[in-house]
Amino acid sequence: MKINGGVSTGNILSIAVTLMALAVLWGSNQVKLDYVESNIKDLRVIKADKDVIEVQLEGITSDISEIKQMIKEL
């Protein structure tokens, strides 16, 4: 069935379906980007925790060295 100007209902339907498909694609990509972003934030937290652990390990190591020195003096 043709509408005024030679545009058929099939063409309108095709355009509508294409626009809906693009909307779904955009939405799914947003979800994937949010997931990746949250994973990156988690990795930054893990790296920050690793840095804190390394600092604490250095402190513990220096404490052990001091204790060894005190024991040697006794």
PDB file of N, CA and C in Angstrom:
ATOM      1  N   MET A   1       0.836  -1.167   0.000  1.00  0.00           N
ATOM      2  CA  MET A   1       0.000   0.000   0.000  1.00  0.00           C
ATOM      3  C   MET A   1       0.889   1.241   0.000  1.00  0.00           C
ATOM      4  N   LYS A   2       0.671   2.130  -0.920  1.00  0.00           N
ATOM      5  CA  LYS A   2       1.476   3.337  -1.055  1.00  0.00           C
ATOM      6  C   LYS A   2       0.817   4.504  -0.317  1.00  0.00           C
ATOM      7  N   ILE A   3       1.651   5.273   0.366  1.00  0.00           N
ATOM      8  CA  ILE A   3       1.188   6.497   1.020  1.00  0.00           C
ATOM      9  C   ILE A   3       1.533   7.657   0.085  1.00  0.00           C
ATOM     10  N   ASN A   4       0.987   8.809   0.301  1.00  0.00           N
ATOM     11  CA  ASN A   4       1.245   9.975  -0.555  1.00  0.00           C
ATOM     12  C   ASN A   4       2.741  10.176  -0.767  1.00  0.00           C
ATOM     13  N   GLY A   5       3.166  10.340  -2.003  1.00  0.00           N
ATOM     14  CA  GLY A   5       4.564  10.583  -2.312  1.00  0.00           C
ATOM     15  C   GLY A   5       5.322   9.313  -2.628  1.00  0.00           C
ATOM     16  N   GLY A   6       4.710   8.187  -2.671  1.00  0.00           N
ATOM     17  CA  GLY A   6       5.370   6.959  -3.077  1.00  0.00           C
ATOM     18  C   GLY A   6       6.085   6.211  -1.964  1.00  0.00           C
ATOM     19  N   VAL A   7       5.848   6.524  -0.710  1.00  0.00           N
ATOM     20  CA  VAL A   7       6.467   5.794   0.396  1.00  0.00           C
ATOM     21  C   VAL A   7       5.507   4.686   0.809  1.00  0.00           C
ATOM     22  N   SER A   8       6.018   3.473   0.816  1.00  0.00           N
ATOM     23  CA  SER A   8       5.144   2.352   1.166  1.00  0.00           C
ATOM     24  C   SER A   8       5.198   2.080   2.664  1.00  0.00           C
ATOM     25  N   THR A   9       4.197   1.363   3.144  1.00  0.00           N
ATOM     26  CA  THR A   9       4.181   0.991   4.566  1.00  0.00           C
ATOM     27  C   THR A   9       5.317   0.025   4.875  1.00  0.00           C
ATOM     28  N   GLY A  10       5.743  -0.727   3.897  1.00  0.00           N
ATOM     29  CA  GLY A  10       6.893  -1.630   4.088  1.00  0.00           C
ATOM     30  C   GLY A  10       8.165  -0.851   4.365  1.00  0.00           C
ATOM     31  N   ASN A  11       8.342   0.268   3.648  1.00  0.00           N
ATOM     32  CA  ASN A  11       9.521   1.101   3.891  1.00  0.00           C
ATOM     33  C   ASN A  11       9.486   1.699   5.298  1.00  0.00           C
ATOM     34  N   ILE A  12       8.334   2.165   5.714  1.00  0.00           N
ATOM     35  CA  ILE A  12       8.191   2.736   7.055  1.00  0.00           C
ATOM     36  C   ILE A  12       8.454   1.670   8.115  1.00  0.00           C
ATOM     37  N   LEU A  13       7.924   0.476   7.883  1.00  0.00           N
ATOM     38  CA  LEU A  13       8.146  -0.628   8.813  1.00  0.00           C
ATOM     39  C   LEU A  13       9.624  -0.995   8.881  1.00  0.00           C
ATOM     40  N   SER A  14      10.299  -1.025   7.745  1.00  0.00           N
ATOM     41  CA  SER A  14      11.732  -1.340   7.714  1.00  0.00           C
ATOM     42  C   SER A  14      12.532  -0.298   8.485  1.00  0.00           C
ATOM     43  N   ILE A  15      12.193   0.965   8.298  1.00  0.00           N
ATOM     44  CA  ILE A  15      12.899   2.030   9.010  1.00  0.00           C
ATOM     45  C   ILE A  15      12.646   1.921  10.513  1.00  0.00           C
ATOM     46  N   ALA A  16      11.418   1.634  10.900  1.00  0.00           N
ATOM     47  CA  ALA A  16      11.084   1.512  12.322  1.00  0.00           C
ATOM     48  C   ALA A  16      11.835   0.346  12.962  1.00  0.00           C
ATOM     49  N   VAL A  17      11.893  -0.794  12.277  1.00  0.00           N
ATOM     50  CA  VAL A  17      12.597  -1.970  12.801  1.00  0.00           C
ATOM     51  C   VAL A  17      14.089  -1.681  12.899  1.00  0.00           C
ATOM     52  N   THR A  18      14.639  -1.000  11.909  1.00  0.00           N
ATOM     53  CA  THR A  18      16.060  -0.654  11.936  1.00  0.00           C
ATOM     54  C   THR A  18      16.371   0.266  13.110  1.00  0.00           C
ATOM     55  N   LEU A  19      15.518   1.251  13.353  1.00  0.00           N
ATOM     56  CA  LEU A  19      15.726   2.157  14.480  1.00  0.00           C
ATOM     57  C   LEU A  19      15.626   1.429  15.817  1.00  0.00           C
ATOM     58  N   MET A  20      14.688   0.495  15.923  1.00  0.00           N
ATOM     59  CA  MET A  20      14.572  -0.283  17.158  1.00  0.00           C
ATOM     60  C   MET A  20      15.803  -1.161  17.362  1.00  0.00           C
ATOM     61  N   ALA A  21      16.301  -1.759  16.276  1.00  0.00           N
ATOM     62  CA  ALA A  21      17.498  -2.591  16.381  1.00  0.00           C
ATOM     63  C   ALA A  21      18.703  -1.762  16.815  1.00  0.00           C
ATOM     64  N   LEU A  22      18.829  -0.558  16.279  1.00  0.00           N
ATOM     65  CA  LEU A  22      19.925   0.319  16.688  1.00  0.00           C
ATOM     66  C   LEU A  22      19.806   0.703  18.158  1.00  0.00           C
ATOM     67  N   ALA A  23      18.585   0.940  18.617  1.00  0.00           N
ATOM     68  CA  ALA A  23      18.377   1.279  20.020  1.00  0.00           C
ATOM     69  C   ALA A  23      18.778   0.114  20.933  1.00  0.00           C
ATOM     70  N   VAL A  24      18.410  -1.093  20.545  1.00  0.00           N
ATOM     71  CA  VAL A  24      18.772  -2.279  21.341  1.00  0.00           C
ATOM     72  C   VAL A  24      20.284  -2.474  21.335  1.00  0.00           C
ATOM     73  N   LEU A  25      20.912  -2.292  20.183  1.00  0.00           N
ATOM     74  CA  LEU A  25      22.359  -2.432  20.078  1.00  0.00           C
ATOM     75  C   LEU A  25      23.065  -1.406  20.953  1.00  0.00           C
ATOM     76  N   TRP A  26      22.602  -0.163  20.918  1.00  0.00           N
ATOM     77  CA  TRP A  26      23.211   0.884  21.729  1.00  0.00           C
ATOM     78  C   TRP A  26      23.062   0.562  23.215  1.00  0.00           C
ATOM     79  N   GLY A  27      21.883   0.096  23.607  1.00  0.00           N
ATOM     80  CA  GLY A  27      21.654  -0.257  25.010  1.00  0.00           C
ATOM     81  C   GLY A  27      22.537  -1.400  25.475  1.00  0.00           C
ATOM     82  N   SER A  28      22.698  -2.407  24.646  1.00  0.00           N
ATOM     83  CA  SER A  28      23.538  -3.539  25.040  1.00  0.00           C
ATOM     84  C   SER A  28      25.004  -3.123  25.130  1.00  0.00           C
ATOM     85  N   ASN A  29      25.427  -2.226  24.251  1.00  0.00           N
ATOM     86  CA  ASN A  29      26.805  -1.743  24.329  1.00  0.00           C
ATOM     87  C   ASN A  29      27.026  -0.927  25.593  1.00  0.00           C
ATOM     88  N   GLN A  30      26.038  -0.153  26.017  1.00  0.00           N
ATOM     89  CA  GLN A  30      26.160   0.615  27.254  1.00  0.00           C
ATOM     90  C   GLN A  30      26.330  -0.320  28.452  1.00  0.00           C
ATOM     91  N   VAL A  31      25.578  -1.414  28.452  1.00  0.00           N
ATOM     92  CA  VAL A  31      25.686  -2.376  29.551  1.00  0.00           C
ATOM     93  C   VAL A  31      27.076  -2.991  29.569  1.00  0.00           C
ATOM     94  N   LYS A  32      27.588  -3.337  28.394  1.00  0.00           N
ATOM     95  CA  LYS A  32      28.933  -3.920  28.318  1.00  0.00           C
ATOM     96  C   LYS A  32      29.983  -2.912  28.773  1.00  0.00           C
ATOM     97  N   LEU A  33      29.843  -1.660  28.388  1.00  0.00           N
ATOM     98  CA  LEU A  33      30.798  -0.637  28.804  1.00  0.00           C
ATOM     99  C   LEU A  33      30.753  -0.427  30.311  1.00  0.00           C
ATOM    100  N   ASP A  34      29.573  -0.438  30.884  1.00  0.00           N
ATOM    101  CA  ASP A  34      29.452  -0.299  32.338  1.00  0.00           C
ATOM    102  C   ASP A  34      30.123  -1.465  33.052  1.00  0.00           C
ATOM    103  N   TYR A  35      29.965  -2.672  32.509  1.00  0.00           N
ATOM    104  CA  TYR A  35      30.585  -3.866  33.091  1.00  0.00           C
ATOM    105  C   TYR A  35      32.105  -3.753  33.045  1.00  0.00           C
ATOM    106  N   VAL A  36      32.640  -3.360  31.903  1.00  0.00           N
ATOM    107  CA  VAL A  36      34.086  -3.216  31.763  1.00  0.00           C
ATOM    108  C   VAL A  36      34.599  -2.121  32.688  1.00  0.00           C
ATOM    109  N   GLU A  37      33.870  -1.026  32.789  1.00  0.00           N
ATOM    110  CA  GLU A  37      34.271   0.069  33.667  1.00  0.00           C
ATOM    111  C   GLU A  37      34.323  -0.379  35.125  1.00  0.00           C
ATOM    112  N   SER A  38      33.348  -1.176  35.547  1.00  0.00           N
ATOM    113  CA  SER A  38      33.350  -1.649  36.931  1.00  0.00           C
ATOM    114  C   SER A  38      34.518  -2.600  37.172  1.00  0.00           C
ATOM    115  N   ASN A  39      34.849  -3.414  36.175  1.00  0.00           N
ATOM    116  CA  ASN A  39      35.993  -4.320  36.320  1.00  0.00           C
ATOM    117  C   ASN A  39      37.294  -3.540  36.430  1.00  0.00           C
ATOM    118  N   ILE A  40      37.417  -2.466  35.658  1.00  0.00           N
ATOM    119  CA  ILE A  40      38.628  -1.646  35.721  1.00  0.00           C
ATOM    120  C   ILE A  40      38.745  -0.999  37.094  1.00  0.00           C
ATOM    121  N   LYS A  41      37.628  -0.520  37.634  1.00  0.00           N
ATOM    122  CA  LYS A  41      37.662   0.068  38.974  1.00  0.00           C
ATOM    123  C   LYS A  41      38.084  -0.967  40.007  1.00  0.00           C
ATOM    124  N   ASP A  42      37.584  -2.209  39.862  1.00  0.00           N
ATOM    125  CA  ASP A  42      37.960  -3.275  40.785  1.00  0.00           C
ATOM    126  C   ASP A  42      39.453  -3.555  40.689  1.00  0.00           C
ATOM    127  N   LEU A  43      39.999  -3.541  39.476  1.00  0.00           N
ATOM    128  CA  LEU A  43      41.429  -3.790  39.301  1.00  0.00           C
ATOM    129  C   LEU A  43      42.254  -2.675  39.939  1.00  0.00           C
ATOM    130  N   ARG A  44      41.768  -1.433  39.856  1.00  0.00           N
ATOM    131  CA  ARG A  44      42.483  -0.328  40.495  1.00  0.00           C
ATOM    132  C   ARG A  44      42.485  -0.510  42.002  1.00  0.00           C
ATOM    133  N   VAL A  45      41.379  -0.980  42.564  1.00  0.00           N
ATOM    134  CA  VAL A  45      41.300  -1.210  44.010  1.00  0.00           C
ATOM    135  C   VAL A  45      42.256  -2.321  44.403  1.00  0.00           C
ATOM    136  N   ILE A  46      42.310  -3.379  43.595  1.00  0.00           N
ATOM    137  CA  ILE A  46      43.219  -4.487  43.894  1.00  0.00           C
ATOM    138  C   ILE A  46      44.661  -3.996  43.851  1.00  0.00           C
ATOM    139  N   LYS A  47      44.995  -3.169  42.856  1.00  0.00           N
ATOM    140  CA  LYS A  47      46.351  -2.636  42.770  1.00  0.00           C
ATOM    141  C   LYS A  47      46.651  -1.750  43.971  1.00  0.00           C
ATOM    142  N   ALA A  48      45.693  -0.945  44.387  1.00  0.00           N
ATOM    143  CA  ALA A  48      45.890  -0.099  45.555  1.00  0.00           C
ATOM    144  C   ALA A  48      46.107  -0.960  46.798  1.00  0.00           C
ATOM    145  N   ASP A  49      45.341  -2.032  46.938  1.00  0.00           N
ATOM    146  CA  ASP A  49      45.521  -2.942  48.065  1.00  0.00           C
ATOM    147  C   ASP A  49      46.907  -3.571  48.028  1.00  0.00           C
ATOM    148  N   LYS A  50      47.376  -3.905  46.839  1.00  0.00           N
ATOM    149  CA  LYS A  50      48.706  -4.503  46.691  1.00  0.00           C
ATOM    150  C   LYS A  50      49.775  -3.517  47.149  1.00  0.00           C
ATOM    151  N   ASP A  51      49.621  -2.250  46.796  1.00  0.00           N
ATOM    152  CA  ASP A  51      50.585  -1.236  47.227  1.00  0.00           C
ATOM    153  C   ASP A  51      50.598  -1.097  48.743  1.00  0.00           C
ATOM    154  N   VAL A  52      49.427  -1.123  49.359  1.00  0.00           N
ATOM    155  CA  VAL A  52      49.340  -1.035  50.825  1.00  0.00           C
ATOM    156  C   VAL A  52      50.013  -2.237  51.463  1.00  0.00           C
ATOM    157  N   ILE A  53      49.784  -3.403  50.914  1.00  0.00           N
ATOM    158  CA  ILE A  53      50.396  -4.627  51.453  1.00  0.00           C
ATOM    159  C   ILE A  53      51.916  -4.555  51.338  1.00  0.00           C
ATOM    160  N   GLU A  54      52.413  -4.031  50.203  1.00  0.00           N
ATOM    161  CA  GLU A  54      53.865  -3.922  50.039  1.00  0.00           C
ATOM    162  C   GLU A  54      54.466  -2.980  51.074  1.00  0.00           C
ATOM    163  N   VAL A  55      53.809  -1.875  51.362  1.00  0.00           N
ATOM    164  CA  VAL A  55      54.303  -0.931  52.368  1.00  0.00           C
ATOM    165  C   VAL A  55      54.297  -1.595  53.738  1.00  0.00           C
ATOM    166  N   GLN A  56      53.221  -2.303  54.047  1.00  0.00           N
ATOM    167  CA  GLN A  56      53.150  -2.985  55.341  1.00  0.00           C
ATOM    168  C   GLN A  56      54.222  -4.070  55.441  1.00  0.00           C
ATOM    169  N   LEU A  57      54.477  -4.773  54.340  1.00  0.00           N
ATOM    170  CA  LEU A  57      55.499  -5.815  54.336  1.00  0.00           C
ATOM    171  C   LEU A  57      56.876  -5.219  54.586  1.00  0.00           C
ATOM    172  N   GLU A  58      57.136  -4.072  53.989  1.00  0.00           N
ATOM    173  CA  GLU A  58      58.416  -3.402  54.233  1.00  0.00           C
ATOM    174  C   GLU A  58      58.543  -3.014  55.711  1.00  0.00           C
ATOM    175  N   GLY A  59      57.459  -2.536  56.309  1.00  0.00           N
ATOM    176  CA  GLY A  59      57.475  -2.185  57.731  1.00  0.00           C
ATOM    177  C   GLY A  59      57.723  -3.395  58.607  1.00  0.00           C
ATOM    178  N   ILE A  60      57.068  -4.496  58.288  1.00  0.00           N
ATOM    179  CA  ILE A  60      57.241  -5.726  59.063  1.00  0.00           C
ATOM    180  C   ILE A  60      58.678  -6.233  58.924  1.00  0.00           C
ATOM    181  N   THR A  61      59.210  -6.157  57.705  1.00  0.00           N
ATOM    182  CA  THR A  61      60.579  -6.609  57.466  1.00  0.00           C
ATOM    183  C   THR A  61      61.570  -5.783  58.279  1.00  0.00           C
ATOM    184  N   SER A  62      61.368  -4.469  58.324  1.00  0.00           N
ATOM    185  CA  SER A  62      62.274  -3.628  59.117  1.00  0.00           C
ATOM    186  C   SER A  62      62.129  -3.937  60.604  1.00  0.00           C
ATOM    187  N   ASP A  63      60.914  -4.206  61.079  1.00  0.00           N
ATOM    188  CA  ASP A  63      60.710  -4.575  62.483  1.00  0.00           C
ATOM    189  C   ASP A  63      61.435  -5.874  62.811  1.00  0.00           C
ATOM    190  N   ILE A  64      61.359  -6.833  61.917  1.00  0.00           N
ATOM    191  CA  ILE A  64      62.040  -8.118  62.136  1.00  0.00           C
ATOM    192  C   ILE A  64      63.546  -7.909  62.188  1.00  0.00           C
ATOM    193  N   SER A  65      64.055  -7.055  61.316  1.00  0.00           N
ATOM    194  CA  SER A  65      65.496  -6.772  61.323  1.00  0.00           C
ATOM    195  C   SER A  65      65.916  -6.150  62.649  1.00  0.00           C
ATOM    196  N   GLU A  66      65.107  -5.233  63.157  1.00  0.00           N
ATOM    197  CA  GLU A  66      65.417  -4.608  64.445  1.00  0.00           C
ATOM    198  C   GLU A  66      65.382  -5.636  65.578  1.00  0.00           C
ATOM    199  N   ILE A  67      64.401  -6.531  65.545  1.00  0.00           N
ATOM    200  CA  ILE A  67      64.293  -7.573  66.580  1.00  0.00           C
ATOM    201  C   ILE A  67      65.500  -8.496  66.518  1.00  0.00           C
ATOM    202  N   LYS A  68      65.931  -8.863  65.313  1.00  0.00           N
ATOM    203  CA  LYS A  68      67.119  -9.709  65.161  1.00  0.00           C
ATOM    204  C   LYS A  68      68.342  -9.009  65.742  1.00  0.00           C
ATOM    205  N   GLN A  69      68.463  -7.724  65.468  1.00  0.00           N
ATOM    206  CA  GLN A  69      69.604  -6.962  65.982  1.00  0.00           C
ATOM    207  C   GLN A  69      69.584  -6.935  67.501  1.00  0.00           C
ATOM    208  N   MET A  70      68.402  -6.744  68.100  1.00  0.00           N
ATOM    209  CA  MET A  70      68.296  -6.719  69.565  1.00  0.00           C
ATOM    210  C   MET A  70      68.649  -8.079  70.153  1.00  0.00           C
ATOM    211  N   ILE A  71      68.245  -9.154  69.497  1.00  0.00           N
ATOM    212  CA  ILE A  71      68.552 -10.501  69.989  1.00  0.00           C
ATOM    213  C   ILE A  71      70.045 -10.752  69.919  1.00  0.00           C
ATOM    214  N   LYS A  72      70.701 -10.299  68.855  1.00  0.00           N
ATOM    215  CA  LYS A  72      72.149 -10.480  68.715  1.00  0.00           C
ATOM    216  C   LYS A  72      72.895  -9.746  69.826  1.00  0.00           C
ATOM    217  N   GLU A  73      72.389  -8.577  70.234  1.00  0.00           N
ATOM    218  CA  GLU A  73      73.015  -7.804  71.280  1.00  0.00           C
ATOM    219  C   GLU A  73      72.896  -8.475  72.639  1.00  0.00           C
ATOM    220  N   LEU A  74      71.827  -9.256  72.809  1.00  0.00           N
ATOM    221  CA  LEU A  74      71.639  -9.938  74.097  1.00  0.00           C
ATOM    222  C   LEU A  74      72.562 -11.121  74.164  1.00  0.00           C
TER     223      LEU A  74
END
